[in-house]
Amino acid sequence: MNVHDWLMNLPFSDPESSCKVVEVSFKQGSRKEFFRNTTLQFFEKGDYVTVEGVSGYDVGEVSLTGELVRIQMKKKGVDEFNPEMKKILRRSTERDIESFQISKSREKEMLARSRAMARTLNLEMKLSEVEVQADGKKATSFIPPMTVLIFVNSSSSMRMISR
């Protein structure tokens, strides 16, 4: 969904009170998260940023900045001052984006392998997509909402998926 920041050009009396959180989208906007801008860099909608991921980093696109982020956080019940909020590490470099593109190119193959593994393990589940973190250290499989989840404790099977 495309959002126009109608508060962007309004002057605020206290720059110190401006929102220091940025909304970042992944997978063409299908997943959005909030990240703290600790370096106080200026980001615009559409900029690629490198953010903290699970035991590594990920690359996403800035979807919202400024006071509209505060409104969005309130709407979603997210605390702006949560100390556990992940951080923006930097504006994405060419190397970050190259790593991101390599990881994304593996998603279709990993989806096919994940589906094959689910069939091998006789799991009655449908996988709709796989999202790979930019550094390639984590892959997330998504299932349709009406599917029942069965958790299997088999680390060797999970390792096979990511090879």
C-alpha atoms as a PDB file:
ATOM      1  CA  MET A   1       0.000   0.000   0.000  1.00  0.00           C
ATOM      2  CA  ASN A   2       1.305   3.428  -0.924  1.00  0.00           C
ATOM      3  CA  VAL A   3       1.124   6.111   1.794  1.00  0.00           C
ATOM      4  CA  HIS A   4       1.534   9.858   1.286  1.00  0.00           C
ATOM      5  CA  ASP A   5       3.199  11.651   4.201  1.00  0.00           C
ATOM      6  CA  TRP A   6       0.923  14.663   4.569  1.00  0.00           C
ATOM      7  CA  LEU A   7       2.859  15.855   7.649  1.00  0.00           C
ATOM      8  CA  MET A   8       6.248  15.893   5.887  1.00  0.00           C
ATOM      9  CA  ASN A   9       6.550  19.632   5.233  1.00  0.00           C
ATOM     10  CA  LEU A  10       4.938  20.928   8.434  1.00  0.00           C
ATOM     11  CA  PRO A  11       7.398  22.669  10.753  1.00  0.00           C
ATOM     12  CA  PHE A  12       7.615  21.371  14.321  1.00  0.00           C
ATOM     13  CA  SER A  13       8.570  23.692  17.151  1.00  0.00           C
ATOM     14  CA  ASP A  14      10.866  21.185  18.875  1.00  0.00           C
ATOM     15  CA  PRO A  15      13.120  19.085  16.594  1.00  0.00           C
ATOM     16  CA  GLU A  16      14.204  17.042  19.630  1.00  0.00           C
ATOM     17  CA  SER A  17      10.676  15.649  19.956  1.00  0.00           C
ATOM     18  CA  SER A  18      10.583  14.378  16.360  1.00  0.00           C
ATOM     19  CA  CYS A  19       9.986  10.680  15.838  1.00  0.00           C
ATOM     20  CA  LYS A  20      13.237   8.691  15.771  1.00  0.00           C
ATOM     21  CA  VAL A  21      11.611   5.525  14.450  1.00  0.00           C
ATOM     22  CA  VAL A  22      11.280   4.523  10.792  1.00  0.00           C
ATOM     23  CA  GLU A  23       8.857   2.038   9.223  1.00  0.00           C
ATOM     24  CA  VAL A  24      10.678  -0.385   6.905  1.00  0.00           C
ATOM     25  CA  SER A  25       8.956  -2.740   4.471  1.00  0.00           C
ATOM     26  CA  PHE A  26      10.171  -6.100   3.252  1.00  0.00           C
ATOM     27  CA  LYS A  27       9.005  -8.255   0.355  1.00  0.00           C
ATOM     28  CA  GLN A  28       7.390  -5.371  -1.597  1.00  0.00           C
ATOM     29  CA  GLY A  29       5.419  -4.223   1.432  1.00  0.00           C
ATOM     30  CA  SER A  30       3.936  -7.559   2.498  1.00  0.00           C
ATOM     31  CA  ARG A  31       5.750  -7.251   5.843  1.00  0.00           C
ATOM     32  CA  LYS A  32       6.492  -3.996   7.667  1.00  0.00           C
ATOM     33  CA  GLU A  33       8.373  -3.392  10.896  1.00  0.00           C
ATOM     34  CA  PHE A  34       9.497  -0.404  12.953  1.00  0.00           C
ATOM     35  CA  PHE A  35      13.209   0.298  13.514  1.00  0.00           C
ATOM     36  CA  ARG A  36      14.952   2.870  15.691  1.00  0.00           C
ATOM     37  CA  ASN A  37      17.069   5.422  13.814  1.00  0.00           C
ATOM     38  CA  THR A  38      19.884   5.718  16.383  1.00  0.00           C
ATOM     39  CA  THR A  39      22.270   7.518  14.020  1.00  0.00           C
ATOM     40  CA  LEU A  40      19.585  10.156  13.278  1.00  0.00           C
ATOM     41  CA  GLN A  41      20.329   9.974   9.548  1.00  0.00           C
ATOM     42  CA  PHE A  42      17.752  11.485   7.238  1.00  0.00           C
ATOM     43  CA  PHE A  43      15.886   8.787   5.293  1.00  0.00           C
ATOM     44  CA  GLU A  44      13.268   9.245   2.609  1.00  0.00           C
ATOM     45  CA  LYS A  45      10.592   6.860   1.438  1.00  0.00           C
ATOM     46  CA  GLY A  46      12.157   4.377  -0.998  1.00  0.00           C
ATOM     47  CA  ASP A  47      15.676   4.438   0.510  1.00  0.00           C
ATOM     48  CA  TYR A  48      17.210   1.020   1.134  1.00  0.00           C
ATOM     49  CA  VAL A  49      18.453   0.516   4.684  1.00  0.00           C
ATOM     50  CA  THR A  50      20.356  -2.253   6.415  1.00  0.00           C
ATOM     51  CA  VAL A  51      18.677  -3.226   9.684  1.00  0.00           C
ATOM     52  CA  GLU A  52      19.286  -5.621  12.548  1.00  0.00           C
ATOM     53  CA  GLY A  53      18.020  -9.088  11.767  1.00  0.00           C
ATOM     54  CA  VAL A  54      17.987 -12.386  13.613  1.00  0.00           C
ATOM     55  CA  SER A  55      21.699 -13.040  14.305  1.00  0.00           C
ATOM     56  CA  GLY A  56      22.675 -10.902  11.338  1.00  0.00           C
ATOM     57  CA  TYR A  57      21.227  -8.193   9.137  1.00  0.00           C
ATOM     58  CA  ASP A  58      18.479  -7.647   6.613  1.00  0.00           C
ATOM     59  CA  VAL A  59      17.805  -5.082   3.897  1.00  0.00           C
ATOM     60  CA  GLY A  60      14.472  -3.314   3.570  1.00  0.00           C
ATOM     61  CA  GLU A  61      12.919  -0.260   1.984  1.00  0.00           C
ATOM     62  CA  VAL A  62      11.907   2.798   3.998  1.00  0.00           C
ATOM     63  CA  SER A  63       8.130   3.060   3.734  1.00  0.00           C
ATOM     64  CA  LEU A  64       7.353   5.777   6.291  1.00  0.00           C
ATOM     65  CA  THR A  65       9.252   8.408   8.291  1.00  0.00           C
ATOM     66  CA  GLY A  66       8.450  11.324  10.566  1.00  0.00           C
ATOM     67  CA  GLU A  67       5.312  11.929  12.569  1.00  0.00           C
ATOM     68  CA  LEU A  68       3.211   9.500  10.526  1.00  0.00           C
ATOM     69  CA  VAL A  69       5.335   6.685  11.986  1.00  0.00           C
ATOM     70  CA  ARG A  70       4.228   7.773  15.455  1.00  0.00           C
ATOM     71  CA  ILE A  71       0.576   7.619  14.353  1.00  0.00           C
ATOM     72  CA  GLN A  72       1.111   4.189  12.756  1.00  0.00           C
ATOM     73  CA  MET A  73       2.823   2.883  15.916  1.00  0.00           C
ATOM     74  CA  LYS A  74      -0.043   4.079  18.077  1.00  0.00           C
ATOM     75  CA  LYS A  75      -2.521   2.410  15.720  1.00  0.00           C
ATOM     76  CA  LYS A  76      -0.610  -0.888  15.934  1.00  0.00           C
ATOM     77  CA  GLY A  77       0.019  -0.653  19.687  1.00  0.00           C
ATOM     78  CA  VAL A  78       3.816  -0.417  19.438  1.00  0.00           C
ATOM     79  CA  ASP A  79       5.761   1.491  22.101  1.00  0.00           C
ATOM     80  CA  GLU A  80       8.059   4.106  20.538  1.00  0.00           C
ATOM     81  CA  PHE A  81      10.493   3.856  23.454  1.00  0.00           C
ATOM     82  CA  ASN A  82      10.672   0.043  23.642  1.00  0.00           C
ATOM     83  CA  PRO A  83      14.350  -0.703  24.439  1.00  0.00           C
ATOM     84  CA  GLU A  84      14.142  -4.009  22.525  1.00  0.00           C
ATOM     85  CA  MET A  85      13.202  -2.355  19.218  1.00  0.00           C
ATOM     86  CA  LYS A  86      15.673  -3.311  16.495  1.00  0.00           C
ATOM     87  CA  LYS A  87      17.854  -0.601  14.990  1.00  0.00           C
ATOM     88  CA  ILE A  88      18.732   0.695  11.558  1.00  0.00           C
ATOM     89  CA  LEU A  89      22.415  -0.074  11.111  1.00  0.00           C
ATOM     90  CA  ARG A  90      23.133   2.096   8.057  1.00  0.00           C
ATOM     91  CA  ARG A  91      22.010   3.174   4.620  1.00  0.00           C
ATOM     92  CA  SER A  92      22.468   0.074   2.444  1.00  0.00           C
ATOM     93  CA  THR A  93      25.753  -0.165   0.590  1.00  0.00           C
ATOM     94  CA  GLU A  94      26.244  -1.767  -2.840  1.00  0.00           C
ATOM     95  CA  ARG A  95      27.591  -4.857  -1.062  1.00  0.00           C
ATOM     96  CA  ASP A  96      24.485  -5.067   1.169  1.00  0.00           C
ATOM     97  CA  ILE A  97      22.177  -4.803  -1.850  1.00  0.00           C
ATOM     98  CA  GLU A  98      24.190  -7.399  -3.796  1.00  0.00           C
ATOM     99  CA  SER A  99      23.967  -9.832  -0.853  1.00  0.00           C
ATOM    100  CA  PHE A 100      20.238  -9.049  -0.589  1.00  0.00           C
ATOM    101  CA  GLN A 101      19.681  -9.845  -4.283  1.00  0.00           C
ATOM    102  CA  ILE A 102      21.614 -13.125  -4.044  1.00  0.00           C
ATOM    103  CA  SER A 103      19.548 -14.201  -1.022  1.00  0.00           C
ATOM    104  CA  LYS A 104      16.268 -13.216  -2.698  1.00  0.00           C
ATOM    105  CA  SER A 105      17.194 -15.199  -5.824  1.00  0.00           C
ATOM    106  CA  ARG A 106      17.344 -18.351  -3.659  1.00  0.00           C
ATOM    107  CA  GLU A 107      13.768 -17.988  -2.357  1.00  0.00           C
ATOM    108  CA  LYS A 108      11.997 -19.956  -5.127  1.00  0.00           C
ATOM    109  CA  GLU A 109      14.444 -22.846  -4.827  1.00  0.00           C
ATOM    110  CA  MET A 110      14.071 -22.884  -1.037  1.00  0.00           C
ATOM    111  CA  LEU A 111      10.272 -22.837  -1.338  1.00  0.00           C
ATOM    112  CA  ALA A 112      10.369 -25.898  -3.609  1.00  0.00           C
ATOM    113  CA  ARG A 113      12.768 -27.700  -1.260  1.00  0.00           C
ATOM    114  CA  SER A 114      10.648 -26.785   1.786  1.00  0.00           C
ATOM    115  CA  ARG A 115       7.519 -28.163   0.116  1.00  0.00           C
ATOM    116  CA  ALA A 116       9.363 -31.360  -0.813  1.00  0.00           C
ATOM    117  CA  MET A 117      10.621 -31.735   2.760  1.00  0.00           C
ATOM    118  CA  ALA A 118       7.098 -31.229   4.169  1.00  0.00           C
ATOM    119  CA  ARG A 119       5.842 -34.002   1.861  1.00  0.00           C
ATOM    120  CA  THR A 120       8.729 -36.276   2.899  1.00  0.00           C
ATOM    121  CA  LEU A 121       7.857 -35.719   6.570  1.00  0.00           C
ATOM    122  CA  ASN A 122       4.138 -36.342   5.793  1.00  0.00           C
ATOM    123  CA  LEU A 123       3.155 -32.885   7.010  1.00  0.00           C
ATOM    124  CA  GLU A 124      -0.255 -31.712   5.846  1.00  0.00           C
ATOM    125  CA  MET A 125       0.686 -28.110   5.260  1.00  0.00           C
ATOM    126  CA  LYS A 126       0.841 -25.673   2.382  1.00  0.00           C
ATOM    127  CA  LEU A 127       3.730 -23.241   2.132  1.00  0.00           C
ATOM    128  CA  SER A 128       2.843 -20.004   0.358  1.00  0.00           C
ATOM    129  CA  GLU A 129       6.261 -18.330   0.301  1.00  0.00           C
ATOM    130  CA  VAL A 130       9.739 -18.235   1.792  1.00  0.00           C
ATOM    131  CA  GLU A 131      11.568 -15.056   2.784  1.00  0.00           C
ATOM    132  CA  VAL A 132      15.342 -15.169   3.172  1.00  0.00           C
ATOM    133  CA  GLN A 133      17.150 -12.614   5.324  1.00  0.00           C
ATOM    134  CA  ALA A 134      19.610 -10.497   3.273  1.00  0.00           C
ATOM    135  CA  ASP A 135      22.688 -12.083   4.838  1.00  0.00           C
ATOM    136  CA  GLY A 136      21.295 -15.575   4.139  1.00  0.00           C
ATOM    137  CA  LYS A 137      21.433 -16.657   7.798  1.00  0.00           C
ATOM    138  CA  LYS A 138      17.667 -17.076   8.262  1.00  0.00           C
ATOM    139  CA  ALA A 139      14.749 -18.170   6.112  1.00  0.00           C
ATOM    140  CA  THR A 140      11.101 -17.799   7.127  1.00  0.00           C
ATOM    141  CA  SER A 141       8.387 -19.973   5.602  1.00  0.00           C
ATOM    142  CA  PHE A 142       4.882 -18.573   5.396  1.00  0.00           C
ATOM    143  CA  ILE A 143       1.734 -20.676   5.412  1.00  0.00           C
ATOM    144  CA  PRO A 144      -1.852 -19.677   4.608  1.00  0.00           C
ATOM    145  CA  PRO A 145      -3.841 -18.547   7.686  1.00  0.00           C
ATOM    146  CA  MET A 146      -6.181 -21.547   7.746  1.00  0.00           C
ATOM    147  CA  THR A 147      -3.367 -24.130   7.834  1.00  0.00           C
ATOM    148  CA  VAL A 148      -2.772 -26.004  11.090  1.00  0.00           C
ATOM    149  CA  LEU A 149       0.842 -25.863  12.247  1.00  0.00           C
ATOM    150  CA  ILE A 150       2.703 -28.944  13.388  1.00  0.00           C
ATOM    151  CA  PHE A 151       6.078 -28.279  14.971  1.00  0.00           C
ATOM    152  CA  VAL A 152       8.751 -30.869  14.298  1.00  0.00           C
ATOM    153  CA  ASN A 153      11.892 -30.915  16.380  1.00  0.00           C
ATOM    154  CA  SER A 154      14.330 -32.022  13.739  1.00  0.00           C
ATOM    155  CA  SER A 155      17.314 -29.740  13.355  1.00  0.00           C
ATOM    156  CA  SER A 156      18.898 -31.963  10.689  1.00  0.00           C
ATOM    157  CA  SER A 157      15.801 -31.553   8.494  1.00  0.00           C
ATOM    158  CA  MET A 158      15.838 -27.799   8.943  1.00  0.00           C
ATOM    159  CA  ARG A 159      19.516 -27.645   8.021  1.00  0.00           C
ATOM    160  CA  MET A 160      18.747 -29.461   4.781  1.00  0.00           C
ATOM    161  CA  ILE A 161      16.362 -26.674   3.756  1.00  0.00           C
ATOM    162  CA  SER A 162      18.945 -23.916   4.017  1.00  0.00           C
ATOM    163  CA  ARG A 163      21.729 -25.603   2.039  1.00  0.00           C
END
